[in-house]
Structure formats: C-alpha cells, structure tokens
Amino acid sequence: SAGRKKRWLGLADSTMGLGSYTWSGNALPIPAVYFGTN
C-alpha cells in the first residue's frame, strides 16, 4: 500500500489499553509505502 493508513504495531491492546510503546495510534498516520502480511 501507499499513502496514509491506520495501522497498529506491537503486542498491545489497541482498543482498551494505552497502546503500543512506539506506535499507539496517538498521531495521524504517517504517509508511507508499506509491504507486509495481513
């Protein structure tokens, strides 16, 4: 994919918790070219 897309990284709760240490969904998604698994 290319562009801005909401993603969560890390083993942490993304709905009820504080979110992952480095990538929590606290900021606007950063525009990127992404390749990975679903």
Full PDB file with SEQRES, HELIX, SHEET, SSBOND, CRYST1, ORIGX, SCALE, CONECT and MASTER records, all heavy atoms in Angstrom:
SEQRES   1 A   38  SER ALA GLY ARG LYS LYS ARG TRP LEU GLY LEU ALA ASP          
SEQRES   2 A   38  SER THR MET GLY LEU GLY SER TYR THR TRP SER GLY ASN          
SEQRES   3 A   38  ALA LEU PRO ILE PRO ALA VAL TYR PHE GLY THR ASN              
SHEET    1 AA1 2 ALA A   2  GLY A   3  0                                        
SHEET    2 AA1 2 ALA A  32  VAL A  33 -1                                        
CRYST1    1.000    1.000    1.000  90.00  90.00  90.00 P 1           1          
ORIGX1      1.000000  0.000000  0.000000        0.00000                         
ORIGX2      0.000000  1.000000  0.000000        0.00000                         
ORIGX3      0.000000  0.000000  1.000000        0.00000                         
SCALE1      1.000000  0.000000  0.000000        0.00000                         
SCALE2      0.000000  1.000000  0.000000        0.00000                         
SCALE3      0.000000  0.000000  1.000000        0.00000                         
ATOM      1  N   SER A   1       0.833  -1.192   0.000  1.00  0.00           N  
ATOM      2  CA  SER A   1       0.000   0.000   0.000  1.00  0.00           C  
ATOM      3  C   SER A   1       0.869   1.243   0.000  1.00  0.00           C  
ATOM      4  O   SER A   1       2.044   1.213   0.377  1.00  0.00           O  
ATOM      5  CB  SER A   1      -0.942   0.015   1.215  1.00  0.00           C  
ATOM      6  OG  SER A   1      -0.208   0.191   2.405  1.00  0.00           O  
ATOM      7  N   ALA A   2       0.269   2.354  -0.415  1.00  0.00           N  
ATOM      8  CA  ALA A   2       0.952   3.643  -0.426  1.00  0.00           C  
ATOM      9  C   ALA A   2      -0.025   4.707   0.059  1.00  0.00           C  
ATOM     10  O   ALA A   2      -1.185   4.725  -0.358  1.00  0.00           O  
ATOM     11  CB  ALA A   2       1.463   3.979  -1.820  1.00  0.00           C  
ATOM     12  N   GLY A   3       0.453   5.588   0.936  1.00  0.00           N  
ATOM     13  CA  GLY A   3      -0.385   6.651   1.463  1.00  0.00           C  
ATOM     14  C   GLY A   3      -0.538   6.558   2.965  1.00  0.00           C  
ATOM     15  O   GLY A   3       0.268   5.912   3.653  1.00  0.00           O  
ATOM     16  N   ARG A   4      -1.561   7.201   3.464  1.00  0.00           N  
ATOM     17  CA  ARG A   4      -1.863   7.167   4.894  1.00  0.00           C  
ATOM     18  C   ARG A   4      -2.862   6.056   5.177  1.00  0.00           C  
ATOM     19  O   ARG A   4      -3.919   6.001   4.560  1.00  0.00           O  
ATOM     20  CB  ARG A   4      -2.478   8.490   5.345  1.00  0.00           C  
ATOM     21  CG  ARG A   4      -1.494   9.529   5.770  1.00  0.00           C  
ATOM     22  CD  ARG A   4      -2.219  10.714   6.355  1.00  0.00           C  
ATOM     23  NE  ARG A   4      -1.281  11.711   6.806  1.00  0.00           N  
ATOM     24  CZ  ARG A   4      -1.562  12.984   6.951  1.00  0.00           C  
ATOM     25  NH1 ARG A   4      -2.778  13.425   6.671  1.00  0.00           N  
ATOM     26  NH2 ARG A   4      -0.657  13.826   7.379  1.00  0.00           N  
ATOM     27  N   LYS A   5      -2.531   5.214   6.142  1.00  0.00           N  
ATOM     28  CA  LYS A   5      -3.443   4.146   6.527  1.00  0.00           C  
ATOM     29  C   LYS A   5      -3.279   3.858   8.015  1.00  0.00           C  
ATOM     30  O   LYS A   5      -2.164   3.775   8.524  1.00  0.00           O  
ATOM     31  CB  LYS A   5      -3.175   2.872   5.720  1.00  0.00           C  
ATOM     32  CG  LYS A   5      -4.234   1.797   5.933  1.00  0.00           C  
ATOM     33  CD  LYS A   5      -4.047   0.622   4.985  1.00  0.00           C  
ATOM     34  CE  LYS A   5      -5.170  -0.393   5.171  1.00  0.00           C  
ATOM     35  NZ  LYS A   5      -5.023  -1.550   4.269  1.00  0.00           N  
ATOM     36  N   LYS A   6      -4.410   3.714   8.715  1.00  0.00           N  
ATOM     37  CA  LYS A   6      -4.362   3.419  10.143  1.00  0.00           C  
ATOM     38  C   LYS A   6      -3.818   2.005  10.362  1.00  0.00           C  
ATOM     39  O   LYS A   6      -4.325   1.044   9.779  1.00  0.00           O  
ATOM     40  CB  LYS A   6      -5.754   3.528  10.754  1.00  0.00           C  
ATOM     41  CG  LYS A   6      -6.334   4.935  10.732  1.00  0.00           C  
ATOM     42  CD  LYS A   6      -7.746   4.964  11.308  1.00  0.00           C  
ATOM     43  CE  LYS A   6      -8.320   6.368  11.299  1.00  0.00           C  
ATOM     44  NZ  LYS A   6      -9.711   6.415  11.828  1.00  0.00           N  
ATOM     45  N   ARG A   7      -2.791   1.921  11.182  1.00  0.00           N  
ATOM     46  CA  ARG A   7      -2.197   0.623  11.497  1.00  0.00           C  
ATOM     47  C   ARG A   7      -1.819   0.598  12.976  1.00  0.00           C  
ATOM     48  O   ARG A   7      -1.596   1.624  13.595  1.00  0.00           O  
ATOM     49  CB  ARG A   7      -0.944   0.379  10.652  1.00  0.00           C  
ATOM     50  CG  ARG A   7      -1.183   0.370   9.157  1.00  0.00           C  
ATOM     51  CD  ARG A   7       0.073  -0.032   8.404  1.00  0.00           C  
ATOM     52  NE  ARG A   7      -0.085   0.149   6.975  1.00  0.00           N  
ATOM     53  CZ  ARG A   7      -0.697  -0.683   6.156  1.00  0.00           C  
ATOM     54  NH1 ARG A   7      -1.238  -1.784   6.653  1.00  0.00           N  
ATOM     55  NH2 ARG A   7      -0.787  -0.440   4.865  1.00  0.00           N  
ATOM     56  N   TRP A   8      -1.741  -0.616  13.513  1.00  0.00           N  
ATOM     57  CA  TRP A   8      -1.255  -0.826  14.873  1.00  0.00           C  
ATOM     58  C   TRP A   8      -0.095  -1.800  14.803  1.00  0.00           C  
ATOM     59  O   TRP A   8      -0.142  -2.791  14.074  1.00  0.00           O  
ATOM     60  CB  TRP A   8      -2.344  -1.398  15.762  1.00  0.00           C  
ATOM     61  CG  TRP A   8      -3.513  -0.485  15.960  1.00  0.00           C  
ATOM     62  CD1 TRP A   8      -3.698   0.388  17.005  1.00  0.00           C  
ATOM     63  CD2 TRP A   8      -4.667  -0.351  15.125  1.00  0.00           C  
ATOM     64  NE1 TRP A   8      -4.896   1.065  16.854  1.00  0.00           N  
ATOM     65  CE2 TRP A   8      -5.509   0.629  15.704  1.00  0.00           C  
ATOM     66  CE3 TRP A   8      -5.076  -0.937  13.928  1.00  0.00           C  
ATOM     67  CZ2 TRP A   8      -6.722   1.017  15.150  1.00  0.00           C  
ATOM     68  CZ3 TRP A   8      -6.277  -0.560  13.365  1.00  0.00           C  
ATOM     69  CH2 TRP A   8      -7.090   0.402  13.979  1.00  0.00           C  
ATOM     70  N   LEU A   9       0.954  -1.517  15.538  1.00  0.00           N  
ATOM     71  CA  LEU A   9       2.122  -2.393  15.574  1.00  0.00           C  
ATOM     72  C   LEU A   9       2.430  -2.766  17.016  1.00  0.00           C  
ATOM     73  O   LEU A   9       2.375  -1.915  17.905  1.00  0.00           O  
ATOM     74  CB  LEU A   9       3.342  -1.704  14.958  1.00  0.00           C  
ATOM     75  CG  LEU A   9       3.342  -1.515  13.438  1.00  0.00           C  
ATOM     76  CD1 LEU A   9       4.544  -0.695  13.012  1.00  0.00           C  
ATOM     77  CD2 LEU A   9       3.352  -2.864  12.737  1.00  0.00           C  
ATOM     78  N   GLY A  10       2.764  -4.026  17.223  1.00  0.00           N  
ATOM     79  CA  GLY A  10       3.154  -4.460  18.548  1.00  0.00           C  
ATOM     80  C   GLY A  10       2.099  -5.291  19.241  1.00  0.00           C  
ATOM     81  O   GLY A  10       0.925  -5.264  18.887  1.00  0.00           O  
ATOM     82  N   LEU A  11       2.546  -6.032  20.245  1.00  0.00           N  
ATOM     83  CA  LEU A  11       1.645  -6.866  21.037  1.00  0.00           C  
ATOM     84  C   LEU A  11       1.117  -6.031  22.191  1.00  0.00           C  
ATOM     85  O   LEU A  11       1.691  -5.994  23.285  1.00  0.00           O  
ATOM     86  CB  LEU A  11       2.389  -8.100  21.565  1.00  0.00           C  
ATOM     87  CG  LEU A  11       3.009  -9.024  20.508  1.00  0.00           C  
ATOM     88  CD1 LEU A  11       3.680 -10.207  21.184  1.00  0.00           C  
ATOM     89  CD2 LEU A  11       1.954  -9.510  19.520  1.00  0.00           C  
ATOM     90  N   ALA A  12       0.041  -5.314  21.941  1.00  0.00           N  
ATOM     91  CA  ALA A  12      -0.576  -4.488  22.975  1.00  0.00           C  
ATOM     92  C   ALA A  12      -2.016  -4.215  22.578  1.00  0.00           C  
ATOM     93  O   ALA A  12      -2.349  -4.233  21.392  1.00  0.00           O  
ATOM     94  CB  ALA A  12       0.184  -3.173  23.155  1.00  0.00           C  
ATOM     95  N   ASP A  13      -2.864  -3.972  23.554  1.00  0.00           N  
ATOM     96  CA  ASP A  13      -4.275  -3.749  23.287  1.00  0.00           C  
ATOM     97  C   ASP A  13      -4.473  -2.397  22.620  1.00  0.00           C  
ATOM     98  O   ASP A  13      -4.066  -1.365  23.146  1.00  0.00           O  
ATOM     99  CB  ASP A  13      -5.069  -3.808  24.586  1.00  0.00           C  
ATOM    100  CG  ASP A  13      -6.562  -3.908  24.333  1.00  0.00           C  
ATOM    101  OD1 ASP A  13      -7.126  -2.938  23.824  1.00  0.00           O  
ATOM    102  OD2 ASP A  13      -7.136  -4.961  24.635  1.00  0.00           O  
ATOM    103  N   SER A  14      -5.101  -2.399  21.462  1.00  0.00           N  
ATOM    104  CA  SER A  14      -5.271  -1.169  20.686  1.00  0.00           C  
ATOM    105  C   SER A  14      -6.636  -0.527  20.887  1.00  0.00           C  
ATOM    106  O   SER A  14      -6.928   0.499  20.285  1.00  0.00           O  
ATOM    107  CB  SER A  14      -5.076  -1.463  19.192  1.00  0.00           C  
ATOM    108  OG  SER A  14      -6.026  -2.418  18.746  1.00  0.00           O  
ATOM    109  N   THR A  15      -7.494  -1.122  21.749  1.00  0.00           N  
ATOM    110  CA  THR A  15      -8.834  -0.570  21.937  1.00  0.00           C  
ATOM    111  C   THR A  15      -9.061  -0.076  23.363  1.00  0.00           C  
ATOM    112  O   THR A  15      -9.536   1.037  23.574  1.00  0.00           O  
ATOM    113  CB  THR A  15      -9.910  -1.619  21.591  1.00  0.00           C  
ATOM    114  OG1 THR A  15      -9.706  -2.783  22.403  1.00  0.00           O  
ATOM    115  CG2 THR A  15      -9.835  -2.000  20.132  1.00  0.00           C  
ATOM    116  N   MET A  16      -8.706  -0.875  24.352  1.00  0.00           N  
ATOM    117  CA  MET A  16      -8.953  -0.506  25.743  1.00  0.00           C  
ATOM    118  C   MET A  16      -7.704  -0.036  26.469  1.00  0.00           C  
ATOM    119  O   MET A  16      -7.794   0.534  27.549  1.00  0.00           O  
ATOM    120  CB  MET A  16      -9.550  -1.681  26.518  1.00  0.00           C  
ATOM    121  CG  MET A  16     -10.940  -2.103  26.066  1.00  0.00           C  
ATOM    122  SD  MET A  16     -11.706  -3.203  27.277  1.00  0.00           S  
ATOM    123  CE  MET A  16     -10.539  -4.557  27.324  1.00  0.00           C  
ATOM    124  N   GLY A  17      -6.517  -0.293  25.891  1.00  0.00           N  
ATOM    125  CA  GLY A  17      -5.285  -0.037  26.607  1.00  0.00           C  
ATOM    126  C   GLY A  17      -4.615   1.275  26.244  1.00  0.00           C  
ATOM    127  O   GLY A  17      -5.166   2.133  25.550  1.00  0.00           O  
ATOM    128  N   LEU A  18      -3.380   1.421  26.726  1.00  0.00           N  
ATOM    129  CA  LEU A  18      -2.579   2.606  26.449  1.00  0.00           C  
ATOM    130  C   LEU A  18      -2.003   2.587  25.044  1.00  0.00           C  
ATOM    131  O   LEU A  18      -1.579   3.618  24.534  1.00  0.00           O  
ATOM    132  CB  LEU A  18      -1.432   2.705  27.465  1.00  0.00           C  
ATOM    133  CG  LEU A  18      -1.829   2.886  28.932  1.00  0.00           C  
ATOM    134  CD1 LEU A  18      -0.606   2.753  29.832  1.00  0.00           C  
ATOM    135  CD2 LEU A  18      -2.510   4.231  29.150  1.00  0.00           C  
ATOM    136  N   GLY A  19      -2.003   1.427  24.416  1.00  0.00           N  
ATOM    137  CA  GLY A  19      -1.426   1.308  23.085  1.00  0.00           C  
ATOM    138  C   GLY A  19       0.037   0.915  23.150  1.00  0.00           C  
ATOM    139  O   GLY A  19       0.682   0.983  24.202  1.00  0.00           O  
ATOM    140  N   SER A  20       0.591   0.507  22.010  1.00  0.00           N  
ATOM    141  CA  SER A  20       1.985   0.088  21.960  1.00  0.00           C  
ATOM    142  C   SER A  20       2.923   1.240  22.308  1.00  0.00           C  
ATOM    143  O   SER A  20       2.628   2.404  22.039  1.00  0.00           O  
ATOM    144  CB  SER A  20       2.330  -0.434  20.562  1.00  0.00           C  
ATOM    145  OG  SER A  20       1.741  -1.688  20.343  1.00  0.00           O  
ATOM    146  N   TYR A  21       4.073   0.884  22.851  1.00  0.00           N  
ATOM    147  CA  TYR A  21       5.039   1.880  23.311  1.00  0.00           C  
ATOM    148  C   TYR A  21       5.467   2.826  22.192  1.00  0.00           C  
ATOM    149  O   TYR A  21       5.512   4.042  22.390  1.00  0.00           O  
ATOM    150  CB  TYR A  21       6.257   1.162  23.897  1.00  0.00           C  
ATOM    151  CG  TYR A  21       7.457   2.057  24.081  1.00  0.00           C  
ATOM    152  CD1 TYR A  21       7.418   3.116  24.992  1.00  0.00           C  
ATOM    153  CD2 TYR A  21       8.630   1.852  23.363  1.00  0.00           C  
ATOM    154  CE1 TYR A  21       8.524   3.944  25.162  1.00  0.00           C  
ATOM    155  CE2 TYR A  21       9.730   2.667  23.528  1.00  0.00           C  
ATOM    156  CZ  TYR A  21       9.672   3.720  24.432  1.00  0.00           C  
ATOM    157  OH  TYR A  21      10.760   4.536  24.588  1.00  0.00           O  
ATOM    158  N   THR A  22       5.781   2.309  21.015  1.00  0.00           N  
ATOM    159  CA  THR A  22       6.300   3.177  19.954  1.00  0.00           C  
ATOM    160  C   THR A  22       5.265   3.548  18.902  1.00  0.00           C  
ATOM    161  O   THR A  22       5.489   4.472  18.123  1.00  0.00           O  
ATOM    162  CB  THR A  22       7.494   2.516  19.224  1.00  0.00           C  
ATOM    163  OG1 THR A  22       7.067   1.292  18.612  1.00  0.00           O  
ATOM    164  CG2 THR A  22       8.633   2.257  20.183  1.00  0.00           C  
ATOM    165  N   TRP A  23       4.116   2.842  18.836  1.00  0.00           N  
ATOM    166  CA  TRP A  23       3.176   3.050  17.728  1.00  0.00           C  
ATOM    167  C   TRP A  23       1.768   2.787  18.248  1.00  0.00           C  
ATOM    168  O   TRP A  23       1.227   1.706  18.088  1.00  0.00           O  
ATOM    169  CB  TRP A  23       3.529   2.114  16.576  1.00  0.00           C  
ATOM    170  CG  TRP A  23       3.007   2.526  15.244  1.00  0.00           C  
ATOM    171  CD1 TRP A  23       1.854   2.091  14.640  1.00  0.00           C  
ATOM    172  CD2 TRP A  23       3.609   3.428  14.323  1.00  0.00           C  
ATOM    173  NE1 TRP A  23       1.713   2.673  13.400  1.00  0.00           N  
ATOM    174  CE2 TRP A  23       2.777   3.507  13.181  1.00  0.00           C  
ATOM    175  CE3 TRP A  23       4.779   4.187  14.350  1.00  0.00           C  
ATOM    176  CZ2 TRP A  23       3.080   4.307  12.079  1.00  0.00           C  
ATOM    177  CZ3 TRP A  23       5.083   4.978  13.254  1.00  0.00           C  
ATOM    178  CH2 TRP A  23       4.243   5.030  12.129  1.00  0.00           C  
ATOM    179  N   SER A  24       1.153   3.807  18.836  1.00  0.00           N  
ATOM    180  CA  SER A  24      -0.076   3.587  19.597  1.00  0.00           C  
ATOM    181  C   SER A  24      -1.346   4.023  18.888  1.00  0.00           C  
ATOM    182  O   SER A  24      -2.442   3.770  19.381  1.00  0.00           O  
ATOM    183  CB  SER A  24       0.021   4.350  20.921  1.00  0.00           C  
ATOM    184  OG  SER A  24       0.026   5.753  20.680  1.00  0.00           O  
ATOM    185  N   GLY A  25      -1.241   4.728  17.758  1.00  0.00           N  
ATOM    186  CA  GLY A  25      -2.425   5.319  17.147  1.00  0.00           C  
ATOM    187  C   GLY A  25      -2.758   6.674  17.746  1.00  0.00           C  
ATOM    188  O   GLY A  25      -3.881   7.151  17.634  1.00  0.00           O  
ATOM    189  N   ASN A  26      -1.768   7.324  18.376  1.00  0.00           N  
ATOM    190  CA  ASN A  26      -1.985   8.605  19.018  1.00  0.00           C  
ATOM    191  C   ASN A  26      -1.813   9.790  18.071  1.00  0.00           C  
ATOM    192  O   ASN A  26      -2.253  10.895  18.371  1.00  0.00           O  
ATOM    193  CB  ASN A  26      -1.019   8.770  20.200  1.00  0.00           C  
ATOM    194  CG  ASN A  26      -1.352   9.941  21.085  1.00  0.00           C  
ATOM    195  OD1 ASN A  26      -2.463  10.058  21.578  1.00  0.00           O  
ATOM    196  ND2 ASN A  26      -0.396  10.823  21.280  1.00  0.00           N  
ATOM    197  N   ALA A  27      -1.171   9.563  16.930  1.00  0.00           N  
ATOM    198  CA  ALA A  27      -0.915  10.632  15.962  1.00  0.00           C  
ATOM    199  C   ALA A  27      -1.524  10.263  14.614  1.00  0.00           C  
ATOM    200  O   ALA A  27      -1.863   9.097  14.359  1.00  0.00           O  
ATOM    201  CB  ALA A  27       0.588  10.865  15.813  1.00  0.00           C  
ATOM    202  N   LEU A  28      -1.671  11.258  13.759  1.00  0.00           N  
ATOM    203  CA  LEU A  28      -2.098  10.977  12.388  1.00  0.00           C  
ATOM    204  C   LEU A  28      -1.183   9.928  11.767  1.00  0.00           C  
ATOM    205  O   LEU A  28       0.028   9.933  12.019  1.00  0.00           O  
ATOM    206  CB  LEU A  28      -2.034  12.247  11.544  1.00  0.00           C  
ATOM    207  CG  LEU A  28      -3.216  13.210  11.591  1.00  0.00           C  
ATOM    208  CD1 LEU A  28      -2.823  14.522  10.901  1.00  0.00           C  
ATOM    209  CD2 LEU A  28      -4.441  12.616  10.919  1.00  0.00           C  
ATOM    210  N   PRO A  29      -1.716   9.012  10.958  1.00  0.00           N  
ATOM    211  CA  PRO A  29      -0.849   8.062  10.263  1.00  0.00           C  
ATOM    212  C   PRO A  29       0.172   8.782   9.391  1.00  0.00           C  
ATOM    213  O   PRO A  29      -0.140   9.788   8.748  1.00  0.00           O  
ATOM    214  CB  PRO A  29      -1.831   7.243   9.417  1.00  0.00           C  
ATOM    215  CG  PRO A  29      -3.138   7.370  10.130  1.00  0.00           C  
ATOM    216  CD  PRO A  29      -3.146   8.759  10.705  1.00  0.00           C  
ATOM    217  N   ILE A  30       1.397   8.290   9.388  1.00  0.00           N  
ATOM    218  CA  ILE A  30       2.473   8.883   8.597  1.00  0.00           C  
ATOM    219  C   ILE A  30       2.413   8.321   7.181  1.00  0.00           C  
ATOM    220  O   ILE A  30       2.352   7.100   6.999  1.00  0.00           O  
ATOM    221  CB  ILE A  30       3.832   8.581   9.237  1.00  0.00           C  
ATOM    222  CG1 ILE A  30       3.887   9.214  10.637  1.00  0.00           C  
ATOM    223  CG2 ILE A  30       4.977   9.095   8.375  1.00  0.00           C  
ATOM    224  CD1 ILE A  30       5.137   8.866  11.410  1.00  0.00           C  
ATOM    225  N   PRO A  31       2.415   9.167   6.140  1.00  0.00           N  
ATOM    226  CA  PRO A  31       2.396   8.666   4.763  1.00  0.00           C  
ATOM    227  C   PRO A  31       3.587   7.743   4.509  1.00  0.00           C  
ATOM    228  O   PRO A  31       4.732   8.088   4.851  1.00  0.00           O  
ATOM    229  CB  PRO A  31       2.485   9.938   3.915  1.00  0.00           C  
ATOM    230  CG  PRO A  31       2.032  11.036   4.813  1.00  0.00           C  
ATOM    231  CD  PRO A  31       2.444  10.632   6.193  1.00  0.00           C  
ATOM    232  N   ALA A  32       3.331   6.587   3.939  1.00  0.00           N  
ATOM    233  CA  ALA A  32       4.393   5.601   3.771  1.00  0.00           C  
ATOM    234  C   ALA A  32       4.058   4.636   2.647  1.00  0.00           C  
ATOM    235  O   ALA A  32       2.901   4.469   2.265  1.00  0.00           O  
ATOM    236  CB  ALA A  32       4.607   4.832   5.075  1.00  0.00           C  
ATOM    237  N   VAL A  33       5.096   3.991   2.148  1.00  0.00           N  
ATOM    238  CA  VAL A  33       4.956   2.824   1.277  1.00  0.00           C  
ATOM    239  C   VAL A  33       5.168   1.608   2.170  1.00  0.00           C  
ATOM    240  O   VAL A  33       6.213   1.487   2.826  1.00  0.00           O  
ATOM    241  CB  VAL A  33       5.968   2.842   0.132  1.00  0.00           C  
ATOM    242  CG1 VAL A  33       5.857   1.562  -0.690  1.00  0.00           C  
ATOM    243  CG2 VAL A  33       5.746   4.066  -0.753  1.00  0.00           C  
ATOM    244  N   TYR A  34       4.180   0.721   2.200  1.00  0.00           N  
ATOM    245  CA  TYR A  34       4.148  -0.375   3.168  1.00  0.00           C  
ATOM    246  C   TYR A  34       4.022  -1.706   2.436  1.00  0.00           C  
ATOM    247  O   TYR A  34       3.245  -1.849   1.490  1.00  0.00           O  
ATOM    248  CB  TYR A  34       2.961  -0.169   4.109  1.00  0.00           C  
ATOM    249  CG  TYR A  34       2.623  -1.345   4.991  1.00  0.00           C  
ATOM    250  CD1 TYR A  34       3.097  -1.408   6.295  1.00  0.00           C  
ATOM    251  CD2 TYR A  34       1.804  -2.383   4.541  1.00  0.00           C  
ATOM    252  CE1 TYR A  34       2.774  -2.479   7.131  1.00  0.00           C  
ATOM    253  CE2 TYR A  34       1.483  -3.451   5.361  1.00  0.00           C  
ATOM    254  CZ  TYR A  34       1.968  -3.492   6.658  1.00  0.00           C  
ATOM    255  OH  TYR A  34       1.647  -4.556   7.465  1.00  0.00           O  
ATOM    256  N   PHE A  35       4.788  -2.697   2.906  1.00  0.00           N  
ATOM    257  CA  PHE A  35       4.646  -4.063   2.406  1.00  0.00           C  
ATOM    258  C   PHE A  35       4.650  -4.994   3.600  1.00  0.00           C  
ATOM    259  O   PHE A  35       5.530  -4.912   4.468  1.00  0.00           O  
ATOM    260  CB  PHE A  35       5.792  -4.428   1.466  1.00  0.00           C  
ATOM    261  CG  PHE A  35       5.723  -5.849   0.983  1.00  0.00           C  
ATOM    262  CD1 PHE A  35       4.750  -6.240   0.068  1.00  0.00           C  
ATOM    263  CD2 PHE A  35       6.611  -6.797   1.451  1.00  0.00           C  
ATOM    264  CE1 PHE A  35       4.670  -7.553  -0.377  1.00  0.00           C  
ATOM    265  CE2 PHE A  35       6.541  -8.118   1.005  1.00  0.00           C  
ATOM    266  CZ  PHE A  35       5.567  -8.484   0.095  1.00  0.00           C  
ATOM    267  N   GLY A  36       3.652  -5.870   3.681  1.00  0.00           N  
ATOM    268  CA  GLY A  36       3.607  -6.776   4.821  1.00  0.00           C  
ATOM    269  C   GLY A  36       2.452  -7.744   4.748  1.00  0.00           C  
ATOM    270  O   GLY A  36       1.719  -7.812   3.757  1.00  0.00           O  
ATOM    271  N   THR A  37       2.296  -8.493   5.827  1.00  0.00           N  
ATOM    272  CA  THR A  37       1.247  -9.509   5.914  1.00  0.00           C  
ATOM    273  C   THR A  37      -0.007  -8.905   6.542  1.00  0.00           C  
ATOM    274  O   THR A  37       0.051  -7.906   7.247  1.00  0.00           O  
ATOM    275  CB  THR A  37       1.707 -10.690   6.768  1.00  0.00           C  
ATOM    276  OG1 THR A  37       1.992 -10.228   8.099  1.00  0.00           O  
ATOM    277  CG2 THR A  37       2.960 -11.325   6.197  1.00  0.00           C  
ATOM    278  N   ASN A  38      -1.141  -9.546   6.294  1.00  0.00           N  
ATOM    279  CA  ASN A  38      -2.402  -9.151   6.905  1.00  0.00           C  
ATOM    280  C   ASN A  38      -2.838 -10.101   8.005  1.00  0.00           C  
ATOM    281  O   ASN A  38      -3.902  -9.912   8.601  1.00  0.00           O  
ATOM    282  CB  ASN A  38      -3.499  -9.071   5.842  1.00  0.00           C  
ATOM    283  CG  ASN A  38      -3.458  -7.759   5.100  1.00  0.00           C  
ATOM    284  OD1 ASN A  38      -3.401  -6.696   5.705  1.00  0.00           O  
ATOM    285  ND2 ASN A  38      -3.452  -7.819   3.779  1.00  0.00           N  
TER     286      ASN A  38                                                      
MASTER        0    0    0    0    2    0    0    6  285    1    0    3          
END                                                                             
